[in-house]
Amino acid sequence: MYSLPLAGPSLAQETDLPPIPMPRPGIELDAPSAMAPTDADRSEEDELLMRLREAETPEQGARITNQIMTLWSKSGSATMDLLLRRGRNAAERQNWEAAIDHFSALVDHAPDFAEGYMGRALAFYNTERWGPAIADLEQVLALNPHHFGAMRGLATVMEQLGMEEEAHAAYGMALDLNPTDADAREARDRLELGLRGTSL
């Protein structure tokens, strides 16, 4: 697990924002045990992450990234897949409140499925609810320390909050996981220039 130079037990707690209620739609859910990743899934993930770190071109990195994201989106449950799809469809329409509802239902019933927290973090970010966004991103990384998307998301929120040193470190960690992420590299380099200027 990556460790960020943050004060206190959780950056999310420092924002002092109220928790968001988690709705419970009337859906019959599959057993949580059905969502446990198989040994084959873990082996495939390890191989893809290694290939991503060794990717030589952005195009190659993008293909591998898509494969990894597809693998991470496999819940092993038809009902969870439905909630994930509903949340993502709402997010694509920028209907953030509906997305929060769907992802909250997914998180409520599948607390060990990282992509539920990841989707909700995006919706919280786009509604400027920084505390809940950070809390969900931290939970993604607790469940999946290799989640380069969550690490970059955390860096983005930190930068938004003016925490430039912490954001710079988080972008660097995202690049350790995915060296082909051009956006994270540009953001890290930009912050590095600013931090050098303030240290003169």
N, C-alpha and C. Protein backbone atom coordinates (compact mmCIF):
# COMPACT_ATOMS: atom_id res chain seq x y z
N MET A 1 0.85 -1.21 0.00
CA MET A 1 0.00 0.00 0.00
C MET A 1 0.87 1.24 0.00
N TYR A 2 0.56 2.17 -0.86
CA TYR A 2 1.30 3.41 -0.91
C TYR A 2 0.96 4.29 0.29
N SER A 3 1.94 5.02 0.74
CA SER A 3 1.74 5.92 1.88
C SER A 3 1.97 7.35 1.43
N LEU A 4 0.96 8.19 1.65
CA LEU A 4 1.05 9.59 1.26
C LEU A 4 1.40 10.45 2.47
N PRO A 5 2.15 11.54 2.26
CA PRO A 5 2.52 12.40 3.38
C PRO A 5 1.38 13.28 3.83
N LEU A 6 0.38 12.68 4.47
CA LEU A 6 -0.80 13.43 4.90
C LEU A 6 -0.83 13.50 6.41
N ALA A 7 -1.27 14.61 6.93
CA ALA A 7 -1.41 14.76 8.38
C ALA A 7 -2.72 14.14 8.82
N GLY A 8 -2.71 13.50 9.99
CA GLY A 8 -3.94 12.96 10.53
C GLY A 8 -4.27 11.61 9.94
N PRO A 9 -5.35 10.98 10.46
CA PRO A 9 -5.70 9.64 10.02
C PRO A 9 -6.22 9.58 8.61
N SER A 10 -6.85 10.62 8.11
CA SER A 10 -7.44 10.59 6.77
C SER A 10 -7.64 12.01 6.29
N LEU A 11 -7.22 12.25 5.05
CA LEU A 11 -7.44 13.57 4.46
C LEU A 11 -8.92 13.86 4.36
N ALA A 12 -9.72 12.84 4.12
CA ALA A 12 -11.16 13.05 3.99
C ALA A 12 -11.74 13.64 5.27
N GLN A 13 -11.24 13.21 6.42
CA GLN A 13 -11.77 13.72 7.68
C GLN A 13 -11.43 15.18 7.88
N GLU A 14 -10.32 15.64 7.30
CA GLU A 14 -9.90 17.02 7.51
C GLU A 14 -10.77 18.02 6.76
N THR A 15 -11.54 17.56 5.77
CA THR A 15 -12.39 18.48 5.00
C THR A 15 -13.66 18.84 5.75
N ASP A 16 -14.00 18.04 6.80
CA ASP A 16 -15.13 18.34 7.67
C ASP A 16 -16.43 18.46 6.90
N LEU A 17 -16.66 17.56 5.93
CA LEU A 17 -17.90 17.55 5.17
C LEU A 17 -18.80 16.44 5.70
N PRO A 18 -20.12 16.62 5.67
CA PRO A 18 -21.02 15.59 6.18
C PRO A 18 -21.01 14.37 5.29
N PRO A 19 -21.26 13.19 5.86
CA PRO A 19 -21.32 11.98 5.04
C PRO A 19 -22.53 12.00 4.13
N ILE A 20 -22.42 11.30 3.02
CA ILE A 20 -23.52 11.22 2.06
C ILE A 20 -24.34 9.96 2.36
N PRO A 21 -25.65 10.08 2.48
CA PRO A 21 -26.47 8.89 2.76
C PRO A 21 -26.39 7.89 1.62
N MET A 22 -26.50 6.60 1.95
CA MET A 22 -26.39 5.54 0.96
C MET A 22 -27.75 4.88 0.79
N PRO A 23 -28.41 5.11 -0.36
CA PRO A 23 -29.73 4.54 -0.57
C PRO A 23 -29.67 3.03 -0.77
N ARG A 24 -30.78 2.37 -0.50
CA ARG A 24 -30.86 0.92 -0.64
C ARG A 24 -32.04 0.60 -1.56
N PRO A 25 -31.80 0.46 -2.86
CA PRO A 25 -32.91 0.15 -3.76
C PRO A 25 -33.43 -1.27 -3.50
N GLY A 26 -34.67 -1.51 -3.88
CA GLY A 26 -35.26 -2.82 -3.65
C GLY A 26 -34.83 -3.81 -4.71
N ILE A 27 -33.60 -4.27 -4.63
CA ILE A 27 -33.05 -5.20 -5.61
C ILE A 27 -32.58 -6.44 -4.87
N GLU A 28 -32.93 -7.60 -5.39
CA GLU A 28 -32.43 -8.84 -4.79
C GLU A 28 -30.98 -9.03 -5.23
N LEU A 29 -30.08 -9.19 -4.27
CA LEU A 29 -28.66 -9.18 -4.55
C LEU A 29 -28.05 -10.56 -4.47
N ASP A 30 -26.99 -10.74 -5.27
CA ASP A 30 -26.25 -11.99 -5.22
C ASP A 30 -25.42 -12.05 -3.95
N ALA A 31 -24.97 -13.21 -3.59
CA ALA A 31 -24.14 -13.38 -2.41
C ALA A 31 -22.80 -12.70 -2.62
N PRO A 32 -22.28 -11.96 -1.61
CA PRO A 32 -21.01 -11.28 -1.76
C PRO A 32 -19.87 -12.21 -2.11
N SER A 33 -19.93 -13.49 -1.67
CA SER A 33 -18.84 -14.41 -1.96
C SER A 33 -18.67 -14.64 -3.44
N ALA A 34 -19.71 -14.40 -4.25
CA ALA A 34 -19.60 -14.60 -5.68
C ALA A 34 -18.68 -13.59 -6.32
N MET A 35 -18.36 -12.49 -5.58
CA MET A 35 -17.56 -11.42 -6.17
C MET A 35 -16.08 -11.54 -5.87
N ALA A 36 -15.67 -12.57 -5.16
CA ALA A 36 -14.26 -12.73 -4.84
C ALA A 36 -13.46 -13.02 -6.10
N PRO A 37 -12.32 -12.34 -6.33
CA PRO A 37 -11.51 -12.59 -7.52
C PRO A 37 -10.91 -13.99 -7.47
N THR A 38 -10.82 -14.62 -8.62
CA THR A 38 -10.25 -15.96 -8.71
C THR A 38 -8.74 -15.87 -8.82
N ASP A 39 -8.08 -17.01 -8.63
CA ASP A 39 -6.63 -17.04 -8.80
C ASP A 39 -6.25 -16.67 -10.23
N ALA A 40 -7.08 -17.08 -11.19
CA ALA A 40 -6.82 -16.74 -12.59
C ALA A 40 -6.89 -15.23 -12.81
N ASP A 41 -7.88 -14.58 -12.16
CA ASP A 41 -8.00 -13.13 -12.27
C ASP A 41 -6.76 -12.45 -11.70
N ARG A 42 -6.31 -12.91 -10.53
CA ARG A 42 -5.12 -12.30 -9.91
C ARG A 42 -3.89 -12.50 -10.78
N SER A 43 -3.75 -13.67 -11.36
CA SER A 43 -2.60 -13.95 -12.22
C SER A 43 -2.64 -13.06 -13.46
N GLU A 44 -3.83 -12.91 -14.04
CA GLU A 44 -3.96 -12.05 -15.22
C GLU A 44 -3.67 -10.60 -14.86
N GLU A 45 -4.15 -10.16 -13.70
CA GLU A 45 -3.90 -8.78 -13.27
C GLU A 45 -2.41 -8.54 -13.08
N ASP A 46 -1.72 -9.46 -12.42
CA ASP A 46 -0.28 -9.31 -12.20
C ASP A 46 0.47 -9.20 -13.52
N GLU A 47 0.08 -10.03 -14.47
CA GLU A 47 0.75 -10.01 -15.78
C GLU A 47 0.49 -8.69 -16.51
N LEU A 48 -0.76 -8.23 -16.47
CA LEU A 48 -1.09 -6.98 -17.16
C LEU A 48 -0.39 -5.79 -16.51
N LEU A 49 -0.32 -5.76 -15.18
CA LEU A 49 0.35 -4.66 -14.49
C LEU A 49 1.84 -4.64 -14.82
N MET A 50 2.44 -5.82 -14.94
CA MET A 50 3.85 -5.89 -15.32
C MET A 50 4.05 -5.39 -16.75
N ARG A 51 3.16 -5.80 -17.64
CA ARG A 51 3.25 -5.34 -19.03
C ARG A 51 3.04 -3.83 -19.13
N LEU A 52 2.17 -3.29 -18.27
CA LEU A 52 1.93 -1.85 -18.29
C LEU A 52 3.18 -1.09 -17.88
N ARG A 53 3.85 -1.58 -16.84
CA ARG A 53 5.09 -0.92 -16.40
C ARG A 53 6.18 -0.99 -17.46
N GLU A 54 6.10 -1.98 -18.33
CA GLU A 54 7.13 -2.17 -19.36
C GLU A 54 6.70 -1.65 -20.73
N ALA A 55 5.50 -1.07 -20.82
CA ALA A 55 4.99 -0.58 -22.11
C ALA A 55 5.93 0.47 -22.70
N GLU A 56 6.15 0.40 -23.99
CA GLU A 56 7.12 1.27 -24.65
C GLU A 56 6.48 2.45 -25.36
N THR A 57 5.17 2.40 -25.63
CA THR A 57 4.50 3.49 -26.32
C THR A 57 3.19 3.82 -25.61
N PRO A 58 2.70 5.06 -25.75
CA PRO A 58 1.40 5.42 -25.16
C PRO A 58 0.27 4.54 -25.68
N GLU A 59 0.33 4.17 -26.95
CA GLU A 59 -0.72 3.35 -27.54
C GLU A 59 -0.75 1.97 -26.87
N GLN A 60 0.43 1.40 -26.69
CA GLN A 60 0.51 0.11 -26.02
C GLN A 60 0.00 0.22 -24.58
N GLY A 61 0.39 1.29 -23.92
CA GLY A 61 -0.08 1.51 -22.55
C GLY A 61 -1.58 1.66 -22.47
N ALA A 62 -2.17 2.35 -23.44
CA ALA A 62 -3.61 2.56 -23.45
C ALA A 62 -4.35 1.24 -23.62
N ARG A 63 -3.84 0.38 -24.49
CA ARG A 63 -4.48 -0.93 -24.68
C ARG A 63 -4.43 -1.76 -23.40
N ILE A 64 -3.28 -1.78 -22.75
CA ILE A 64 -3.14 -2.57 -21.53
C ILE A 64 -3.99 -1.97 -20.41
N THR A 65 -4.02 -0.64 -20.34
CA THR A 65 -4.85 0.03 -19.34
C THR A 65 -6.31 -0.37 -19.48
N ASN A 66 -6.81 -0.41 -20.72
CA ASN A 66 -8.20 -0.80 -20.96
C ASN A 66 -8.44 -2.24 -20.52
N GLN A 67 -7.47 -3.11 -20.77
CA GLN A 67 -7.61 -4.51 -20.34
C GLN A 67 -7.68 -4.61 -18.82
N ILE A 68 -6.84 -3.83 -18.15
CA ILE A 68 -6.83 -3.86 -16.69
C ILE A 68 -8.16 -3.33 -16.14
N MET A 69 -8.64 -2.23 -16.70
CA MET A 69 -9.89 -1.65 -16.22
C MET A 69 -11.06 -2.61 -16.45
N THR A 70 -11.04 -3.33 -17.57
CA THR A 70 -12.08 -4.32 -17.83
C THR A 70 -12.04 -5.42 -16.78
N LEU A 71 -10.83 -5.87 -16.45
CA LEU A 71 -10.67 -6.92 -15.44
C LEU A 71 -11.16 -6.43 -14.07
N TRP A 72 -10.79 -5.21 -13.70
CA TRP A 72 -11.22 -4.67 -12.41
C TRP A 72 -12.73 -4.47 -12.33
N SER A 73 -13.38 -4.34 -13.48
CA SER A 73 -14.83 -4.10 -13.51
C SER A 73 -15.64 -5.39 -13.39
N LYS A 74 -14.97 -6.52 -13.35
CA LYS A 74 -15.66 -7.81 -13.22
C LYS A 74 -16.00 -8.05 -11.75
N SER A 75 -17.27 -7.96 -11.43
CA SER A 75 -17.68 -8.15 -10.04
C SER A 75 -17.94 -9.61 -9.72
N GLY A 76 -18.23 -10.42 -10.73
CA GLY A 76 -18.61 -11.80 -10.49
C GLY A 76 -20.07 -11.95 -10.12
N SER A 77 -20.83 -10.86 -10.22
CA SER A 77 -22.24 -10.86 -9.83
C SER A 77 -23.03 -10.08 -10.87
N ALA A 78 -24.07 -10.70 -11.41
CA ALA A 78 -24.89 -10.03 -12.42
C ALA A 78 -25.57 -8.79 -11.84
N THR A 79 -26.00 -8.86 -10.59
CA THR A 79 -26.67 -7.72 -9.97
C THR A 79 -25.69 -6.58 -9.76
N MET A 80 -24.47 -6.89 -9.29
CA MET A 80 -23.47 -5.85 -9.08
C MET A 80 -23.07 -5.22 -10.41
N ASP A 81 -22.95 -6.07 -11.45
CA ASP A 81 -22.62 -5.53 -12.77
C ASP A 81 -23.70 -4.56 -13.25
N LEU A 82 -24.96 -4.87 -12.94
CA LEU A 82 -26.07 -3.99 -13.32
C LEU A 82 -25.95 -2.64 -12.61
N LEU A 83 -25.69 -2.66 -11.30
CA LEU A 83 -25.54 -1.41 -10.56
C LEU A 83 -24.35 -0.60 -11.06
N LEU A 84 -23.25 -1.29 -11.37
CA LEU A 84 -22.08 -0.60 -11.90
C LEU A 84 -22.40 0.04 -13.24
N ARG A 85 -23.09 -0.70 -14.09
CA ARG A 85 -23.44 -0.16 -15.41
C ARG A 85 -24.39 1.03 -15.29
N ARG A 86 -25.36 0.94 -14.39
CA ARG A 86 -26.28 2.06 -14.19
C ARG A 86 -25.54 3.30 -13.70
N GLY A 87 -24.63 3.10 -12.76
CA GLY A 87 -23.86 4.23 -12.26
C GLY A 87 -23.01 4.87 -13.33
N ARG A 88 -22.35 4.04 -14.12
CA ARG A 88 -21.49 4.58 -15.19
C ARG A 88 -22.31 5.26 -16.27
N ASN A 89 -23.48 4.70 -16.61
CA ASN A 89 -24.34 5.34 -17.60
C ASN A 89 -24.80 6.71 -17.11
N ALA A 90 -25.16 6.81 -15.84
CA ALA A 90 -25.57 8.10 -15.28
C ALA A 90 -24.41 9.08 -15.30
N ALA A 91 -23.20 8.60 -15.01
CA ALA A 91 -22.02 9.47 -15.04
C ALA A 91 -21.75 9.97 -16.46
N GLU A 92 -21.91 9.11 -17.44
CA GLU A 92 -21.70 9.52 -18.83
C GLU A 92 -22.68 10.62 -19.23
N ARG A 93 -23.87 10.59 -18.67
CA ARG A 93 -24.87 11.64 -18.93
C ARG A 93 -24.66 12.85 -18.03
N GLN A 94 -23.65 12.78 -17.15
CA GLN A 94 -23.36 13.83 -16.17
C GLN A 94 -24.53 14.04 -15.22
N ASN A 95 -25.29 12.98 -15.00
CA ASN A 95 -26.34 12.99 -13.99
C ASN A 95 -25.71 12.48 -12.70
N TRP A 96 -25.01 13.38 -12.02
CA TRP A 96 -24.15 12.97 -10.93
C TRP A 96 -24.91 12.48 -9.72
N GLU A 97 -26.07 13.04 -9.45
CA GLU A 97 -26.84 12.59 -8.29
C GLU A 97 -27.34 11.16 -8.50
N ALA A 98 -27.80 10.86 -9.71
CA ALA A 98 -28.22 9.49 -10.00
C ALA A 98 -27.03 8.54 -9.92
N ALA A 99 -25.87 9.00 -10.41
CA ALA A 99 -24.67 8.17 -10.34
C ALA A 99 -24.31 7.86 -8.89
N ILE A 100 -24.39 8.88 -8.03
CA ILE A 100 -24.10 8.67 -6.61
C ILE A 100 -25.06 7.65 -6.01
N ASP A 101 -26.34 7.75 -6.38
CA ASP A 101 -27.33 6.79 -5.86
C ASP A 101 -26.97 5.36 -6.26
N HIS A 102 -26.67 5.15 -7.54
CA HIS A 102 -26.37 3.80 -8.02
C HIS A 102 -25.07 3.27 -7.41
N PHE A 103 -24.04 4.10 -7.39
CA PHE A 103 -22.77 3.64 -6.83
C PHE A 103 -22.87 3.42 -5.32
N SER A 104 -23.68 4.23 -4.65
CA SER A 104 -23.88 4.04 -3.21
C SER A 104 -24.57 2.71 -2.93
N ALA A 105 -25.54 2.36 -3.77
CA ALA A 105 -26.20 1.06 -3.62
C ALA A 105 -25.19 -0.07 -3.83
N LEU A 106 -24.31 0.11 -4.81
CA LEU A 106 -23.28 -0.90 -5.08
C LEU A 106 -22.31 -1.02 -3.90
N VAL A 107 -21.86 0.11 -3.39
CA VAL A 107 -20.94 0.11 -2.25
C VAL A 107 -21.60 -0.50 -1.02
N ASP A 108 -22.86 -0.17 -0.82
CA ASP A 108 -23.58 -0.66 0.35
C ASP A 108 -23.64 -2.18 0.36
N HIS A 109 -23.89 -2.75 -0.80
CA HIS A 109 -24.10 -4.20 -0.89
C HIS A 109 -22.85 -4.97 -1.29
N ALA A 110 -21.83 -4.27 -1.76
CA ALA A 110 -20.57 -4.93 -2.15
C ALA A 110 -19.40 -4.10 -1.65
N PRO A 111 -19.19 -4.04 -0.33
CA PRO A 111 -18.18 -3.14 0.24
C PRO A 111 -16.74 -3.51 -0.10
N ASP A 112 -16.53 -4.69 -0.67
CA ASP A 112 -15.17 -5.09 -1.05
C ASP A 112 -14.89 -4.92 -2.54
N PHE A 113 -15.82 -4.33 -3.27
CA PHE A 113 -15.67 -4.14 -4.72
C PHE A 113 -15.21 -2.71 -4.97
N ALA A 114 -13.95 -2.56 -5.33
CA ALA A 114 -13.33 -1.23 -5.40
C ALA A 114 -13.96 -0.31 -6.43
N GLU A 115 -14.46 -0.85 -7.53
CA GLU A 115 -14.96 0.00 -8.60
C GLU A 115 -16.22 0.76 -8.20
N GLY A 116 -16.95 0.26 -7.22
CA GLY A 116 -18.10 1.02 -6.73
C GLY A 116 -17.66 2.32 -6.09
N TYR A 117 -16.63 2.25 -5.26
CA TYR A 117 -16.08 3.46 -4.64
C TYR A 117 -15.45 4.37 -5.69
N MET A 118 -14.81 3.78 -6.69
CA MET A 118 -14.15 4.58 -7.72
C MET A 118 -15.18 5.40 -8.50
N GLY A 119 -16.27 4.76 -8.89
CA GLY A 119 -17.30 5.48 -9.62
C GLY A 119 -17.94 6.58 -8.79
N ARG A 120 -18.19 6.27 -7.51
CA ARG A 120 -18.81 7.29 -6.66
C ARG A 120 -17.85 8.45 -6.40
N ALA A 121 -16.55 8.16 -6.28
CA ALA A 121 -15.57 9.22 -6.09
C ALA A 121 -15.61 10.20 -7.25
N LEU A 122 -15.73 9.68 -8.47
CA LEU A 122 -15.81 10.56 -9.65
C LEU A 122 -17.04 11.45 -9.56
N ALA A 123 -18.17 10.87 -9.16
CA ALA A 123 -19.40 11.66 -9.04
C ALA A 123 -19.27 12.71 -7.94
N PHE A 124 -18.68 12.33 -6.81
CA PHE A 124 -18.48 13.30 -5.74
C PHE A 124 -17.56 14.43 -6.21
N TYR A 125 -16.51 14.08 -6.93
CA TYR A 125 -15.57 15.09 -7.43
C TYR A 125 -16.29 16.10 -8.32
N ASN A 126 -17.13 15.60 -9.19
CA ASN A 126 -17.81 16.48 -10.15
C ASN A 126 -18.93 17.30 -9.51
N THR A 127 -19.25 16.99 -8.27
CA THR A 127 -20.19 17.84 -7.52
C THR A 127 -19.47 18.60 -6.41
N GLU A 128 -18.14 18.62 -6.49
CA GLU A 128 -17.27 19.38 -5.57
C GLU A 128 -17.46 18.97 -4.12
N ARG A 129 -17.73 17.69 -3.89
CA ARG A 129 -17.79 17.15 -2.54
C ARG A 129 -16.44 16.48 -2.27
N TRP A 130 -15.48 17.32 -1.90
CA TRP A 130 -14.10 16.86 -1.84
C TRP A 130 -13.88 15.80 -0.75
N GLY A 131 -14.46 15.98 0.41
CA GLY A 131 -14.28 15.03 1.49
C GLY A 131 -14.75 13.63 1.14
N PRO A 132 -16.01 13.48 0.71
CA PRO A 132 -16.47 12.15 0.30
C PRO A 132 -15.67 11.58 -0.87
N ALA A 133 -15.24 12.43 -1.82
CA ALA A 133 -14.44 11.94 -2.93
C ALA A 133 -13.13 11.34 -2.44
N ILE A 134 -12.46 12.06 -1.53
CA ILE A 134 -11.19 11.57 -0.99
C ILE A 134 -11.41 10.29 -0.21
N ALA A 135 -12.46 10.23 0.60
CA ALA A 135 -12.72 9.02 1.38
C ALA A 135 -12.90 7.81 0.48
N ASP A 136 -13.63 7.98 -0.62
CA ASP A 136 -13.84 6.86 -1.53
C ASP A 136 -12.55 6.47 -2.25
N LEU A 137 -11.75 7.46 -2.66
CA LEU A 137 -10.48 7.15 -3.32
C LEU A 137 -9.54 6.41 -2.36
N GLU A 138 -9.51 6.83 -1.11
CA GLU A 138 -8.69 6.12 -0.13
C GLU A 138 -9.17 4.69 0.05
N GLN A 139 -10.48 4.47 -0.02
CA GLN A 139 -11.01 3.12 0.12
C GLN A 139 -10.66 2.27 -1.10
N VAL A 140 -10.69 2.87 -2.29
CA VAL A 140 -10.27 2.14 -3.49
C VAL A 140 -8.84 1.64 -3.32
N LEU A 141 -7.96 2.53 -2.87
CA LEU A 141 -6.55 2.16 -2.72
C LEU A 141 -6.34 1.16 -1.58
N ALA A 142 -7.18 1.19 -0.57
CA ALA A 142 -7.09 0.18 0.49
C ALA A 142 -7.46 -1.20 -0.06
N LEU A 143 -8.46 -1.24 -0.95
CA LEU A 143 -8.89 -2.50 -1.53
C LEU A 143 -8.00 -2.94 -2.68
N ASN A 144 -7.47 -1.97 -3.43
CA ASN A 144 -6.66 -2.27 -4.62
C ASN A 144 -5.50 -1.29 -4.69
N PRO A 145 -4.38 -1.61 -4.03
CA PRO A 145 -3.24 -0.68 -4.00
C PRO A 145 -2.62 -0.41 -5.37
N HIS A 146 -2.98 -1.21 -6.38
CA HIS A 146 -2.45 -1.01 -7.72
C HIS A 146 -3.31 -0.08 -8.57
N HIS A 147 -4.35 0.48 -7.99
CA HIS A 147 -5.32 1.24 -8.79
C HIS A 147 -4.75 2.61 -9.15
N PHE A 148 -4.12 2.67 -10.32
CA PHE A 148 -3.49 3.92 -10.78
C PHE A 148 -4.51 5.02 -11.01
N GLY A 149 -5.73 4.66 -11.39
CA GLY A 149 -6.77 5.67 -11.59
C GLY A 149 -7.15 6.37 -10.30
N ALA A 150 -7.25 5.59 -9.22
CA ALA A 150 -7.58 6.17 -7.92
C ALA A 150 -6.43 7.04 -7.41
N MET A 151 -5.20 6.60 -7.63
CA MET A 151 -4.05 7.39 -7.18
C MET A 151 -4.00 8.72 -7.92
N ARG A 152 -4.24 8.69 -9.23
CA ARG A 152 -4.25 9.95 -9.97
C ARG A 152 -5.44 10.81 -9.55
N GLY A 153 -6.58 10.18 -9.27
CA GLY A 153 -7.73 10.94 -8.80
C GLY A 153 -7.44 11.62 -7.48
N LEU A 154 -6.76 10.92 -6.58
CA LEU A 154 -6.41 11.51 -5.29
C LEU A 154 -5.48 12.70 -5.50
N ALA A 155 -4.52 12.55 -6.42
CA ALA A 155 -3.62 13.65 -6.72
C ALA A 155 -4.39 14.86 -7.26
N THR A 156 -5.36 14.59 -8.11
CA THR A 156 -6.15 15.67 -8.71
C THR A 156 -6.93 16.45 -7.65
N VAL A 157 -7.54 15.72 -6.70
CA VAL A 157 -8.28 16.39 -5.63
C VAL A 157 -7.34 17.20 -4.75
N MET A 158 -6.18 16.63 -4.43
CA MET A 158 -5.21 17.36 -3.62
C MET A 158 -4.78 18.65 -4.31
N GLU A 159 -4.55 18.56 -5.61
CA GLU A 159 -4.17 19.77 -6.34
C GLU A 159 -5.30 20.79 -6.31
N GLN A 160 -6.53 20.32 -6.46
CA GLN A 160 -7.69 21.20 -6.41
C GLN A 160 -7.77 21.93 -5.07
N LEU A 161 -7.36 21.24 -4.00
CA LEU A 161 -7.41 21.82 -2.66
C LEU A 161 -6.16 22.62 -2.32
N GLY A 162 -5.24 22.77 -3.27
CA GLY A 162 -4.04 23.56 -3.05
C GLY A 162 -2.94 22.83 -2.31
N MET A 163 -3.04 21.51 -2.20
CA MET A 163 -2.03 20.71 -1.52
C MET A 163 -1.00 20.25 -2.55
N GLU A 164 -0.16 21.16 -2.98
CA GLU A 164 0.68 20.90 -4.14
C GLU A 164 1.76 19.86 -3.88
N GLU A 165 2.38 19.89 -2.71
CA GLU A 165 3.42 18.91 -2.42
C GLU A 165 2.84 17.49 -2.37
N GLU A 166 1.69 17.34 -1.71
CA GLU A 166 1.04 16.04 -1.61
C GLU A 166 0.57 15.57 -2.98
N ALA A 167 0.04 16.50 -3.79
CA ALA A 167 -0.41 16.15 -5.14
C ALA A 167 0.76 15.69 -5.99
N HIS A 168 1.89 16.39 -5.88
CA HIS A 168 3.09 16.02 -6.64
C HIS A 168 3.52 14.60 -6.29
N ALA A 169 3.52 14.27 -5.00
CA ALA A 169 3.89 12.92 -4.57
C ALA A 169 2.92 11.88 -5.10
N ALA A 170 1.63 12.19 -5.06
CA ALA A 170 0.62 11.23 -5.51
C ALA A 170 0.69 11.02 -7.02
N TYR A 171 0.94 12.08 -7.78
CA TYR A 171 1.13 11.90 -9.23
C TYR A 171 2.32 10.99 -9.50
N GLY A 172 3.39 11.15 -8.73
CA GLY A 172 4.55 10.29 -8.90
C GLY A 172 4.21 8.84 -8.62
N MET A 173 3.40 8.58 -7.60
CA MET A 173 2.98 7.21 -7.29
C MET A 173 2.10 6.65 -8.40
N ALA A 174 1.23 7.49 -8.97
CA ALA A 174 0.40 7.04 -10.09
C ALA A 174 1.28 6.64 -11.27
N LEU A 175 2.35 7.39 -11.49
CA LEU A 175 3.26 7.07 -12.59
C LEU A 175 4.09 5.83 -12.31
N ASP A 176 4.37 5.55 -11.05
CA ASP A 176 5.02 4.29 -10.71
C ASP A 176 4.17 3.11 -11.15
N LEU A 177 2.86 3.27 -10.99
CA LEU A 177 1.92 2.20 -11.36
C LEU A 177 1.65 2.17 -12.85
N ASN A 178 1.57 3.35 -13.47
CA ASN A 178 1.27 3.44 -14.90
C ASN A 178 2.16 4.50 -15.53
N PRO A 179 3.37 4.12 -15.95
CA PRO A 179 4.31 5.10 -16.52
C PRO A 179 3.85 5.73 -17.82
N THR A 180 2.81 5.17 -18.46
CA THR A 180 2.35 5.71 -19.74
C THR A 180 1.26 6.76 -19.59
N ASP A 181 0.92 7.14 -18.36
CA ASP A 181 -0.15 8.12 -18.12
C ASP A 181 0.39 9.53 -18.39
N ALA A 182 0.14 10.02 -19.61
CA ALA A 182 0.68 11.31 -20.02
C ALA A 182 0.10 12.46 -19.19
N ASP A 183 -1.18 12.36 -18.82
CA ASP A 183 -1.80 13.43 -18.04
C ASP A 183 -1.18 13.54 -16.66
N ALA A 184 -0.93 12.39 -16.02
CA ALA A 184 -0.30 12.40 -14.70
C ALA A 184 1.13 12.94 -14.80
N ARG A 185 1.83 12.59 -15.86
CA ARG A 185 3.21 13.07 -16.03
C ARG A 185 3.24 14.59 -16.22
N GLU A 186 2.31 15.09 -17.04
CA GLU A 186 2.26 16.53 -17.28
C GLU A 186 1.94 17.28 -15.99
N ALA A 187 0.99 16.73 -15.21
CA ALA A 187 0.61 17.38 -13.96
C ALA A 187 1.76 17.34 -12.96
N ARG A 188 2.44 16.22 -12.85
CA ARG A 188 3.57 16.12 -11.92
C ARG A 188 4.66 17.10 -12.30
N ASP A 189 4.99 17.17 -13.61
CA ASP A 189 6.06 18.05 -14.05
C ASP A 189 5.69 19.52 -13.83
N ARG A 190 4.42 19.84 -14.07
CA ARG A 190 3.96 21.21 -13.86
C ARG A 190 4.07 21.60 -12.39
N LEU A 191 3.64 20.71 -11.50
CA LEU A 191 3.73 20.99 -10.08
C LEU A 191 5.19 21.08 -9.63
N GLU A 192 6.03 20.24 -10.22
CA GLU A 192 7.44 20.26 -9.83
C GLU A 192 8.08 21.60 -10.14
N LEU A 193 7.73 22.17 -11.29
CA LEU A 193 8.26 23.48 -11.65
C LEU A 193 7.81 24.54 -10.63
N GLY A 194 6.53 24.48 -10.26
CA GLY A 194 6.04 25.44 -9.29
C GLY A 194 6.67 25.28 -7.93
N LEU A 195 6.87 24.03 -7.50
CA LEU A 195 7.48 23.79 -6.20
C LEU A 195 8.93 24.23 -6.18
N ARG A 196 9.62 24.05 -7.27
CA ARG A 196 11.02 24.53 -7.34
C ARG A 196 11.06 26.03 -7.23
N GLY A 197 10.08 26.70 -7.85
CA GLY A 197 10.05 28.15 -7.80
C GLY A 197 9.82 28.68 -6.40
N THR A 198 8.97 27.99 -5.64
CA THR A 198 8.68 28.47 -4.29
C THR A 198 9.81 28.19 -3.33
N SER A 199 10.71 27.26 -3.69
CA SER A 199 11.82 26.93 -2.79
C SER A 199 13.03 27.81 -3.01
N LEU A 200 13.00 28.66 -4.05
CA LEU A 200 14.16 29.51 -4.34
C LEU A 200 14.22 30.68 -3.34
